[in-house]
Each structure stands twice: as C-alpha cells, then as structure tokens.
Amino acid sequence: MQEARSAVGKWVNNYNYQRTHQGIGGLLVPAERFHGQADQVLSNLGQGVDITKGNFDIERSIFNLVLNSHGDLTFYLMGKAIRLTGGNDGRVDI
C-alpha cells in the first residue's frame, strides 16, 4: 500500500507541478494557474526573465503546436494562442 501511495504521489506531483499543459498554452503548469502564479510567469517573460527554469524547475517551451480532438491545430507562442488560417492557395498565414 505504501508503494502505491508513493507512486500515485509522484504522478500527481509531476502532473501538477512539472509538466506544462498544452490546454493552457504549453508554457504553464497547472499548479501555476491554480496558485495564481500565471500572471507572474507571463510578466517575467515580458521583462526578459528566463522562465525556462522557474519556481518548480520546469522545462518550458516558448512555442507549441497543439492538435485538438476535432483535428484543429493551434499554435501557441509564449503561452498565447496564434490563429492559423489557410488561404485559397493553400498557404498558411500567421
């Protein structure tokens, strides 16, 4: 039972504090949003502070491409969604 508790605890810690979440731009971890730190992380980014390593020692990516369950792509740049549209000639405009 102790081994199971330990394994679940490690998983929950990783899920909430270590992995960035694509649903919130791929830049933040759920705990930053839950603890009200999202604005500070984004403010630090705007001030040129290196946020690739932060409060929780997180490996961050400043850009992410996310495919949702409907097959739509969203490009995130520094946690902000960038709308991608296609023209008649097949080119993609950002």
PDB file of N, CA and C in Angstrom:
ATOM      1  N   MET A   1       0.817  -1.183   0.000  1.00  0.00           N
ATOM      2  CA  MET A   1       0.000   0.000   0.000  1.00  0.00           C
ATOM      3  C   MET A   1       0.873   1.264   0.000  1.00  0.00           C
ATOM      4  N   GLN A   2       1.949   1.228   0.758  1.00  0.00           N
ATOM      5  CA  GLN A   2       2.859   2.377   0.819  1.00  0.00           C
ATOM      6  C   GLN A   2       3.492   2.649  -0.554  1.00  0.00           C
ATOM      7  N   GLU A   3       3.854   1.592  -1.252  1.00  0.00           N
ATOM      8  CA  GLU A   3       4.445   1.744  -2.582  1.00  0.00           C
ATOM      9  C   GLU A   3       3.446   2.380  -3.547  1.00  0.00           C
ATOM     10  N   ALA A   4       2.179   1.966  -3.475  1.00  0.00           N
ATOM     11  CA  ALA A   4       1.141   2.546  -4.329  1.00  0.00           C
ATOM     12  C   ALA A   4       0.939   4.025  -4.007  1.00  0.00           C
ATOM     13  N   ARG A   5       0.872   4.377  -2.727  1.00  0.00           N
ATOM     14  CA  ARG A   5       0.722   5.780  -2.325  1.00  0.00           C
ATOM     15  C   ARG A   5       1.883   6.621  -2.853  1.00  0.00           C
ATOM     16  N   SER A   6       3.080   6.098  -2.728  1.00  0.00           N
ATOM     17  CA  SER A   6       4.261   6.817  -3.190  1.00  0.00           C
ATOM     18  C   SER A   6       4.210   7.039  -4.703  1.00  0.00           C
ATOM     19  N   ALA A   7       3.845   5.997  -5.443  1.00  0.00           N
ATOM     20  CA  ALA A   7       3.779   6.098  -6.904  1.00  0.00           C
ATOM     21  C   ALA A   7       2.711   7.097  -7.337  1.00  0.00           C
ATOM     22  N   VAL A   8       1.553   7.054  -6.703  1.00  0.00           N
ATOM     23  CA  VAL A   8       0.484   7.989  -7.041  1.00  0.00           C
ATOM     24  C   VAL A   8       0.908   9.413  -6.678  1.00  0.00           C
ATOM     25  N   GLY A   9       1.548   9.593  -5.540  1.00  0.00           N
ATOM     26  CA  GLY A   9       2.028  10.912  -5.134  1.00  0.00           C
ATOM     27  C   GLY A   9       3.018  11.491  -6.128  1.00  0.00           C
ATOM     28  N   LYS A  10       3.928  10.666  -6.629  1.00  0.00           N
ATOM     29  CA  LYS A  10       4.912  11.124  -7.623  1.00  0.00           C
ATOM     30  C   LYS A  10       4.205  11.520  -8.922  1.00  0.00           C
ATOM     31  N   TRP A  11       3.224  10.715  -9.316  1.00  0.00           N
ATOM     32  CA  TRP A  11       2.488  11.009 -10.543  1.00  0.00           C
ATOM     33  C   TRP A  11       1.728  12.328 -10.407  1.00  0.00           C
ATOM     34  N   VAL A  12       1.035  12.535  -9.296  1.00  0.00           N
ATOM     35  CA  VAL A  12       0.273  13.767  -9.068  1.00  0.00           C
ATOM     36  C   VAL A  12       1.212  14.972  -9.051  1.00  0.00           C
ATOM     37  N   ASN A  13       2.351  14.850  -8.405  1.00  0.00           N
ATOM     38  CA  ASN A  13       3.329  15.939  -8.380  1.00  0.00           C
ATOM     39  C   ASN A  13       3.791  16.280  -9.793  1.00  0.00           C
ATOM     40  N   ASN A  14       4.141  15.281 -10.571  1.00  0.00           N
ATOM     41  CA  ASN A  14       4.576  15.519 -11.941  1.00  0.00           C
ATOM     42  C   ASN A  14       3.462  16.150 -12.762  1.00  0.00           C
ATOM     43  N   TYR A  15       2.257  15.624 -12.641  1.00  0.00           N
ATOM     44  CA  TYR A  15       1.116  16.102 -13.422  1.00  0.00           C
ATOM     45  C   TYR A  15       0.806  17.567 -13.130  1.00  0.00           C
ATOM     46  N   ASN A  16       0.890  17.971 -11.884  1.00  0.00           N
ATOM     47  CA  ASN A  16       0.509  19.325 -11.491  1.00  0.00           C
ATOM     48  C   ASN A  16       1.652  20.326 -11.419  1.00  0.00           C
ATOM     49  N   TYR A  17       2.878  19.867 -11.169  1.00  0.00           N
ATOM     50  CA  TYR A  17       3.984  20.789 -10.901  1.00  0.00           C
ATOM     51  C   TYR A  17       5.155  20.712 -11.875  1.00  0.00           C
ATOM     52  N   GLN A  18       5.226  19.688 -12.689  1.00  0.00           N
ATOM     53  CA  GLN A  18       6.397  19.525 -13.551  1.00  0.00           C
ATOM     54  C   GLN A  18       6.101  19.619 -15.039  1.00  0.00           C
ATOM     55  N   ARG A  19       4.959  19.149 -15.467  1.00  0.00           N
ATOM     56  CA  ARG A  19       4.689  19.101 -16.908  1.00  0.00           C
ATOM     57  C   ARG A  19       3.874  20.310 -17.333  1.00  0.00           C
ATOM     58  N   THR A  20       4.269  20.913 -18.422  1.00  0.00           N
ATOM     59  CA  THR A  20       3.481  22.013 -18.967  1.00  0.00           C
ATOM     60  C   THR A  20       2.223  21.433 -19.587  1.00  0.00           C
ATOM     61  N   HIS A  21       1.186  22.234 -19.621  1.00  0.00           N
ATOM     62  CA  HIS A  21      -0.117  21.773 -20.080  1.00  0.00           C
ATOM     63  C   HIS A  21      -0.475  22.466 -21.381  1.00  0.00           C
ATOM     64  N   GLN A  22      -0.706  21.686 -22.429  1.00  0.00           N
ATOM     65  CA  GLN A  22      -1.000  22.273 -23.733  1.00  0.00           C
ATOM     66  C   GLN A  22      -2.298  23.066 -23.722  1.00  0.00           C
ATOM     67  N   GLY A  23      -3.245  22.683 -22.880  1.00  0.00           N
ATOM     68  CA  GLY A  23      -4.515  23.390 -22.812  1.00  0.00           C
ATOM     69  C   GLY A  23      -4.388  24.806 -22.282  1.00  0.00           C
ATOM     70  N   ILE A  24      -3.274  25.113 -21.619  1.00  0.00           N
ATOM     71  CA  ILE A  24      -3.037  26.482 -21.147  1.00  0.00           C
ATOM     72  C   ILE A  24      -1.777  27.047 -21.797  1.00  0.00           C
ATOM     73  N   GLY A  25      -1.641  26.728 -23.081  1.00  0.00           N
ATOM     74  CA  GLY A  25      -0.587  27.338 -23.888  1.00  0.00           C
ATOM     75  C   GLY A  25       0.730  26.607 -23.921  1.00  0.00           C
ATOM     76  N   GLY A  26       0.864  25.529 -23.167  1.00  0.00           N
ATOM     77  CA  GLY A  26       2.106  24.770 -23.177  1.00  0.00           C
ATOM     78  C   GLY A  26       3.254  25.453 -22.478  1.00  0.00           C
ATOM     79  N   LEU A  27       2.984  26.556 -21.813  1.00  0.00           N
ATOM     80  CA  LEU A  27       4.035  27.314 -21.153  1.00  0.00           C
ATOM     81  C   LEU A  27       3.933  27.202 -19.638  1.00  0.00           C
ATOM     82  N   LEU A  28       2.735  27.008 -19.143  1.00  0.00           N
ATOM     83  CA  LEU A  28       2.470  26.957 -17.706  1.00  0.00           C
ATOM     84  C   LEU A  28       2.150  25.541 -17.261  1.00  0.00           C
ATOM     85  N   VAL A  29       2.382  25.292 -15.987  1.00  0.00           N
ATOM     86  CA  VAL A  29       1.939  24.032 -15.387  1.00  0.00           C
ATOM     87  C   VAL A  29       0.636  24.321 -14.654  1.00  0.00           C
ATOM     88  N   PRO A  30      -0.226  23.323 -14.472  1.00  0.00           N
ATOM     89  CA  PRO A  30      -1.494  23.557 -13.794  1.00  0.00           C
ATOM     90  C   PRO A  30      -1.342  24.228 -12.426  1.00  0.00           C
ATOM     91  N   ALA A  31      -0.319  23.900 -11.675  1.00  0.00           N
ATOM     92  CA  ALA A  31      -0.141  24.474 -10.339  1.00  0.00           C
ATOM     93  C   ALA A  31       0.078  25.983 -10.401  1.00  0.00           C
ATOM     94  N   GLU A  32       0.762  26.466 -11.427  1.00  0.00           N
ATOM     95  CA  GLU A  32       0.976  27.907 -11.544  1.00  0.00           C
ATOM     96  C   GLU A  32      -0.351  28.634 -11.726  1.00  0.00           C
ATOM     97  N   ARG A  33      -1.203  28.049 -12.504  1.00  0.00           N
ATOM     98  CA  ARG A  33      -2.523  28.656 -12.692  1.00  0.00           C
ATOM     99  C   ARG A  33      -3.350  28.531 -11.415  1.00  0.00           C
ATOM    100  N   PHE A  34      -3.337  27.366 -10.796  1.00  0.00           N
ATOM    101  CA  PHE A  34      -4.109  27.127  -9.572  1.00  0.00           C
ATOM    102  C   PHE A  34      -3.659  28.044  -8.437  1.00  0.00           C
ATOM    103  N   HIS A  35      -2.357  28.248  -8.301  1.00  0.00           N
ATOM    104  CA  HIS A  35      -1.810  29.060  -7.215  1.00  0.00           C
ATOM    105  C   HIS A  35      -1.732  30.551  -7.569  1.00  0.00           C
ATOM    106  N   GLY A  36      -2.295  30.924  -8.716  1.00  0.00           N
ATOM    107  CA  GLY A  36      -2.324  32.332  -9.096  1.00  0.00           C
ATOM    108  C   GLY A  36      -0.993  32.888  -9.541  1.00  0.00           C
ATOM    109  N   GLN A  37      -0.111  32.056 -10.049  1.00  0.00           N
ATOM    110  CA  GLN A  37       1.219  32.493 -10.463  1.00  0.00           C
ATOM    111  C   GLN A  37       1.348  32.688 -11.968  1.00  0.00           C
ATOM    112  N   ALA A  38       0.286  32.414 -12.721  1.00  0.00           N
ATOM    113  CA  ALA A  38       0.354  32.508 -14.179  1.00  0.00           C
ATOM    114  C   ALA A  38       0.727  33.914 -14.627  1.00  0.00           C
ATOM    115  N   ASP A  39       0.091  34.925 -14.040  1.00  0.00           N
ATOM    116  CA  ASP A  39       0.386  36.303 -14.435  1.00  0.00           C
ATOM    117  C   ASP A  39       1.838  36.672 -14.155  1.00  0.00           C
ATOM    118  N   GLN A  40       2.385  36.187 -13.048  1.00  0.00           N
ATOM    119  CA  GLN A  40       3.779  36.484 -12.716  1.00  0.00           C
ATOM    120  C   GLN A  40       4.733  35.834 -13.720  1.00  0.00           C
ATOM    121  N   VAL A  41       4.449  34.591 -14.097  1.00  0.00           N
ATOM    122  CA  VAL A  41       5.295  33.907 -15.082  1.00  0.00           C
ATOM    123  C   VAL A  41       5.266  34.668 -16.402  1.00  0.00           C
ATOM    124  N   LEU A  42       4.067  35.062 -16.841  1.00  0.00           N
ATOM    125  CA  LEU A  42       3.947  35.785 -18.099  1.00  0.00           C
ATOM    126  C   LEU A  42       4.574  37.176 -18.000  1.00  0.00           C
ATOM    127  N   SER A  43       4.462  37.824 -16.843  1.00  0.00           N
ATOM    128  CA  SER A  43       5.101  39.123 -16.624  1.00  0.00           C
ATOM    129  C   SER A  43       6.619  38.989 -16.696  1.00  0.00           C
ATOM    130  N   ASN A  44       7.153  37.953 -16.058  1.00  0.00           N
ATOM    131  CA  ASN A  44       8.595  37.701 -16.115  1.00  0.00           C
ATOM    132  C   ASN A  44       9.053  37.512 -17.552  1.00  0.00           C
ATOM    133  N   LEU A  45       8.265  36.808 -18.315  1.00  0.00           N
ATOM    134  CA  LEU A  45       8.589  36.593 -19.719  1.00  0.00           C
ATOM    135  C   LEU A  45       8.652  37.925 -20.452  1.00  0.00           C
ATOM    136  N   GLY A  46       7.668  38.794 -20.201  1.00  0.00           N
ATOM    137  CA  GLY A  46       7.630  40.111 -20.838  1.00  0.00           C
ATOM    138  C   GLY A  46       8.805  40.992 -20.450  1.00  0.00           C
ATOM    139  N   GLN A  47       9.395  40.744 -19.279  1.00  0.00           N
ATOM    140  CA  GLN A  47      10.535  41.522 -18.805  1.00  0.00           C
ATOM    141  C   GLN A  47      11.868  40.894 -19.205  1.00  0.00           C
ATOM    142  N   GLY A  48      11.801  39.817 -19.969  1.00  0.00           N
ATOM    143  CA  GLY A  48      13.029  39.181 -20.434  1.00  0.00           C
ATOM    144  C   GLY A  48      13.652  38.217 -19.455  1.00  0.00           C
ATOM    145  N   VAL A  49      12.935  37.871 -18.382  1.00  0.00           N
ATOM    146  CA  VAL A  49      13.444  36.907 -17.404  1.00  0.00           C
ATOM    147  C   VAL A  49      13.373  35.512 -18.019  1.00  0.00           C
ATOM    148  N   ASP A  50      14.412  34.741 -17.864  1.00  0.00           N
ATOM    149  CA  ASP A  50      14.441  33.377 -18.386  1.00  0.00           C
ATOM    150  C   ASP A  50      13.477  32.521 -17.572  1.00  0.00           C
ATOM    151  N   ILE A  51      12.366  32.148 -18.191  1.00  0.00           N
ATOM    152  CA  ILE A  51      11.382  31.327 -17.486  1.00  0.00           C
ATOM    153  C   ILE A  51      11.466  29.863 -17.880  1.00  0.00           C
ATOM    154  N   THR A  52      12.509  29.498 -18.634  1.00  0.00           N
ATOM    155  CA  THR A  52      12.631  28.090 -18.987  1.00  0.00           C
ATOM    156  C   THR A  52      12.888  27.258 -17.741  1.00  0.00           C
ATOM    157  N   LYS A  53      13.388  27.879 -16.719  1.00  0.00           N
ATOM    158  CA  LYS A  53      13.513  27.258 -15.398  1.00  0.00           C
ATOM    159  C   LYS A  53      12.827  28.203 -14.431  1.00  0.00           C
ATOM    160  N   GLY A  54      11.843  27.708 -13.709  1.00  0.00           N
ATOM    161  CA  GLY A  54      11.068  28.593 -12.847  1.00  0.00           C
ATOM    162  C   GLY A  54      10.955  28.068 -11.435  1.00  0.00           C
ATOM    163  N   ASN A  55       9.874  28.438 -10.785  1.00  0.00           N
ATOM    164  CA  ASN A  55       9.638  28.067  -9.391  1.00  0.00           C
ATOM    165  C   ASN A  55       9.690  26.559  -9.164  1.00  0.00           C
ATOM    166  N   PHE A  56       9.250  25.802 -10.137  1.00  0.00           N
ATOM    167  CA  PHE A  56       9.157  24.359  -9.965  1.00  0.00           C
ATOM    168  C   PHE A  56      10.216  23.612 -10.774  1.00  0.00           C
ATOM    169  N   ASP A  57      11.222  24.311 -11.299  1.00  0.00           N
ATOM    170  CA  ASP A  57      12.277  23.711 -12.104  1.00  0.00           C
ATOM    171  C   ASP A  57      11.684  22.966 -13.297  1.00  0.00           C
ATOM    172  N   ILE A  58      10.971  23.711 -14.131  1.00  0.00           N
ATOM    173  CA  ILE A  58      10.209  23.158 -15.250  1.00  0.00           C
ATOM    174  C   ILE A  58      10.931  23.412 -16.556  1.00  0.00           C
ATOM    175  N   GLU A  59      10.972  22.409 -17.385  1.00  0.00           N
ATOM    176  CA  GLU A  59      11.461  22.593 -18.748  1.00  0.00           C
ATOM    177  C   GLU A  59      10.301  23.163 -19.558  1.00  0.00           C
ATOM    178  N   ARG A  60      10.451  24.373 -20.077  1.00  0.00           N
ATOM    179  CA  ARG A  60       9.377  25.037 -20.804  1.00  0.00           C
ATOM    180  C   ARG A  60       9.749  25.217 -22.263  1.00  0.00           C
ATOM    181  N   SER A  61       8.733  25.254 -23.078  1.00  0.00           N
ATOM    182  CA  SER A  61       8.908  25.548 -24.489  1.00  0.00           C
ATOM    183  C   SER A  61       8.142  26.830 -24.787  1.00  0.00           C
ATOM    184  N   ILE A  62       8.772  27.774 -25.468  1.00  0.00           N
ATOM    185  CA  ILE A  62       8.088  29.041 -25.719  1.00  0.00           C
ATOM    186  C   ILE A  62       7.124  28.944 -26.905  1.00  0.00           C
ATOM    187  N   PHE A  63       7.185  27.843 -27.661  1.00  0.00           N
ATOM    188  CA  PHE A  63       6.181  27.659 -28.707  1.00  0.00           C
ATOM    189  C   PHE A  63       5.722  26.209 -28.721  1.00  0.00           C
ATOM    190  N   ASN A  64       4.438  26.029 -28.992  1.00  0.00           N
ATOM    191  CA  ASN A  64       3.828  24.709 -29.015  1.00  0.00           C
ATOM    192  C   ASN A  64       2.783  24.654 -30.109  1.00  0.00           C
ATOM    193  N   LEU A  65       2.668  23.518 -30.734  1.00  0.00           N
ATOM    194  CA  LEU A  65       1.628  23.268 -31.719  1.00  0.00           C
ATOM    195  C   LEU A  65       0.739  22.175 -31.152  1.00  0.00           C
ATOM    196  N   VAL A  66      -0.560  22.480 -31.000  1.00  0.00           N
ATOM    197  CA  VAL A  66      -1.488  21.568 -30.326  1.00  0.00           C
ATOM    198  C   VAL A  66      -2.560  21.136 -31.305  1.00  0.00           C
ATOM    199  N   LEU A  67      -2.811  19.838 -31.361  1.00  0.00           N
ATOM    200  CA  LEU A  67      -3.880  19.255 -32.172  1.00  0.00           C
ATOM    201  C   LEU A  67      -5.003  18.846 -31.231  1.00  0.00           C
ATOM    202  N   ASN A  68      -6.205  19.412 -31.419  1.00  0.00           N
ATOM    203  CA  ASN A  68      -7.304  19.044 -30.530  1.00  0.00           C
ATOM    204  C   ASN A  68      -8.056  17.835 -31.074  1.00  0.00           C
ATOM    205  N   SER A  69      -9.059  17.395 -30.341  1.00  0.00           N
ATOM    206  CA  SER A  69      -9.784  16.173 -30.710  1.00  0.00           C
ATOM    207  C   SER A  69     -10.603  16.324 -31.986  1.00  0.00           C
ATOM    208  N   HIS A  70     -10.814  17.566 -32.452  1.00  0.00           N
ATOM    209  CA  HIS A  70     -11.552  17.815 -33.692  1.00  0.00           C
ATOM    210  C   HIS A  70     -10.624  17.901 -34.897  1.00  0.00           C
ATOM    211  N   GLY A  71      -9.329  17.779 -34.665  1.00  0.00           N
ATOM    212  CA  GLY A  71      -8.356  17.852 -35.741  1.00  0.00           C
ATOM    213  C   GLY A  71      -7.875  19.256 -36.048  1.00  0.00           C
ATOM    214  N   ASP A  72      -8.235  20.217 -35.201  1.00  0.00           N
ATOM    215  CA  ASP A  72      -7.810  21.605 -35.400  1.00  0.00           C
ATOM    216  C   ASP A  72      -6.456  21.842 -34.736  1.00  0.00           C
ATOM    217  N   LEU A  73      -5.612  22.612 -35.403  1.00  0.00           N
ATOM    218  CA  LEU A  73      -4.300  22.963 -34.872  1.00  0.00           C
ATOM    219  C   LEU A  73      -4.330  24.372 -34.273  1.00  0.00           C
ATOM    220  N   THR A  74      -3.687  24.519 -33.137  1.00  0.00           N
ATOM    221  CA  THR A  74      -3.492  25.836 -32.535  1.00  0.00           C
ATOM    222  C   THR A  74      -2.010  25.991 -32.260  1.00  0.00           C
ATOM    223  N   PHE A  75      -1.466  27.110 -32.703  1.00  0.00           N
ATOM    224  CA  PHE A  75      -0.069  27.430 -32.454  1.00  0.00           C
ATOM    225  C   PHE A  75      -0.017  28.383 -31.270  1.00  0.00           C
ATOM    226  N   TYR A  76       0.774  28.045 -30.264  1.00  0.00           N
ATOM    227  CA  TYR A  76       0.944  28.902 -29.095  1.00  0.00           C
ATOM    228  C   TYR A  76       2.358  29.472 -29.109  1.00  0.00           C
ATOM    229  N   LEU A  77       2.456  30.760 -28.962  1.00  0.00           N
ATOM    230  CA  LEU A  77       3.739  31.442 -28.860  1.00  0.00           C
ATOM    231  C   LEU A  77       3.771  32.147 -27.516  1.00  0.00           C
ATOM    232  N   MET A  78       4.678  31.728 -26.661  1.00  0.00           N
ATOM    233  CA  MET A  78       4.822  32.258 -25.309  1.00  0.00           C
ATOM    234  C   MET A  78       3.493  32.200 -24.550  1.00  0.00           C
ATOM    235  N   GLY A  79       2.787  31.091 -24.716  1.00  0.00           N
ATOM    236  CA  GLY A  79       1.558  30.857 -23.987  1.00  0.00           C
ATOM    237  C   GLY A  79       0.317  31.493 -24.563  1.00  0.00           C
ATOM    238  N   LYS A  80       0.465  32.224 -25.655  1.00  0.00           N
ATOM    239  CA  LYS A  80      -0.672  32.892 -26.285  1.00  0.00           C
ATOM    240  C   LYS A  80      -1.020  32.192 -27.587  1.00  0.00           C
ATOM    241  N   ALA A  81      -2.323  31.930 -27.771  1.00  0.00           N
ATOM    242  CA  ALA A  81      -2.777  31.257 -28.990  1.00  0.00           C
ATOM    243  C   ALA A  81      -2.636  32.191 -30.188  1.00  0.00           C
ATOM    244  N   ILE A  82      -2.080  31.667 -31.267  1.00  0.00           N
ATOM    245  CA  ILE A  82      -1.957  32.389 -32.525  1.00  0.00           C
ATOM    246  C   ILE A  82      -2.866  31.671 -33.518  1.00  0.00           C
ATOM    247  N   ARG A  83      -3.793  32.402 -34.109  1.00  0.00           N
ATOM    248  CA  ARG A  83      -4.734  31.783 -35.038  1.00  0.00           C
ATOM    249  C   ARG A  83      -4.055  31.531 -36.374  1.00  0.00           C
ATOM    250  N   LEU A  84      -4.165  30.301 -36.846  1.00  0.00           N
ATOM    251  CA  LEU A  84      -3.616  29.934 -38.144  1.00  0.00           C
ATOM    252  C   LEU A  84      -4.782  29.800 -39.113  1.00  0.00           C
ATOM    253  N   THR A  85      -4.678  30.469 -40.235  1.00  0.00           N
ATOM    254  CA  THR A  85      -5.724  30.371 -41.241  1.00  0.00           C
ATOM    255  C   THR A  85      -5.097  30.003 -42.569  1.00  0.00           C
ATOM    256  N   GLY A  86      -5.844  29.314 -43.389  1.00  0.00           N
ATOM    257  CA  GLY A  86      -5.358  28.923 -44.708  1.00  0.00           C
ATOM    258  C   GLY A  86      -6.080  29.699 -45.792  1.00  0.00           C
ATOM    259  N   GLY A  87      -5.357  30.120 -46.795  1.00  0.00           N
ATOM    260  CA  GLY A  87      -5.957  30.832 -47.921  1.00  0.00           C
ATOM    261  C   GLY A  87      -6.360  29.861 -49.009  1.00  0.00           C
ATOM    262  N   ASN A  88      -6.886  30.413 -50.113  1.00  0.00           N
ATOM    263  CA  ASN A  88      -7.322  29.573 -51.221  1.00  0.00           C
ATOM    264  C   ASN A  88      -6.167  28.871 -51.915  1.00  0.00           C
ATOM    265  N   ASP A  89      -4.986  29.442 -51.811  1.00  0.00           N
ATOM    266  CA  ASP A  89      -3.840  28.841 -52.492  1.00  0.00           C
ATOM    267  C   ASP A  89      -3.120  27.821 -51.626  1.00  0.00           C
ATOM    268  N   GLY A  90      -3.667  27.530 -50.426  1.00  0.00           N
ATOM    269  CA  GLY A  90      -3.079  26.514 -49.563  1.00  0.00           C
ATOM    270  C   GLY A  90      -1.998  27.016 -48.623  1.00  0.00           C
ATOM    271  N   ARG A  91      -1.619  28.309 -48.741  1.00  0.00           N
ATOM    272  CA  ARG A  91      -0.628  28.844 -47.835  1.00  0.00           C
ATOM    273  C   ARG A  91      -1.226  29.043 -46.456  1.00  0.00           C
ATOM    274  N   VAL A  92      -0.391  29.028 -45.444  1.00  0.00           N
ATOM    275  CA  VAL A  92      -0.845  29.263 -44.068  1.00  0.00           C
ATOM    276  C   VAL A  92      -0.351  30.626 -43.638  1.00  0.00           C
ATOM    277  N   ASP A  93      -1.286  31.454 -43.171  1.00  0.00           N
ATOM    278  CA  ASP A  93      -0.949  32.788 -42.698  1.00  0.00           C
ATOM    279  C   ASP A  93      -0.955  32.772 -41.180  1.00  0.00           C
ATOM    280  N   ILE A  94       0.005  33.459 -40.586  1.00  0.00           N
ATOM    281  CA  ILE A  94       0.058  33.572 -39.118  1.00  0.00           C
ATOM    282  C   ILE A  94      -0.331  34.987 -38.744  1.00  0.00           C
TER     283      ILE A  94
END
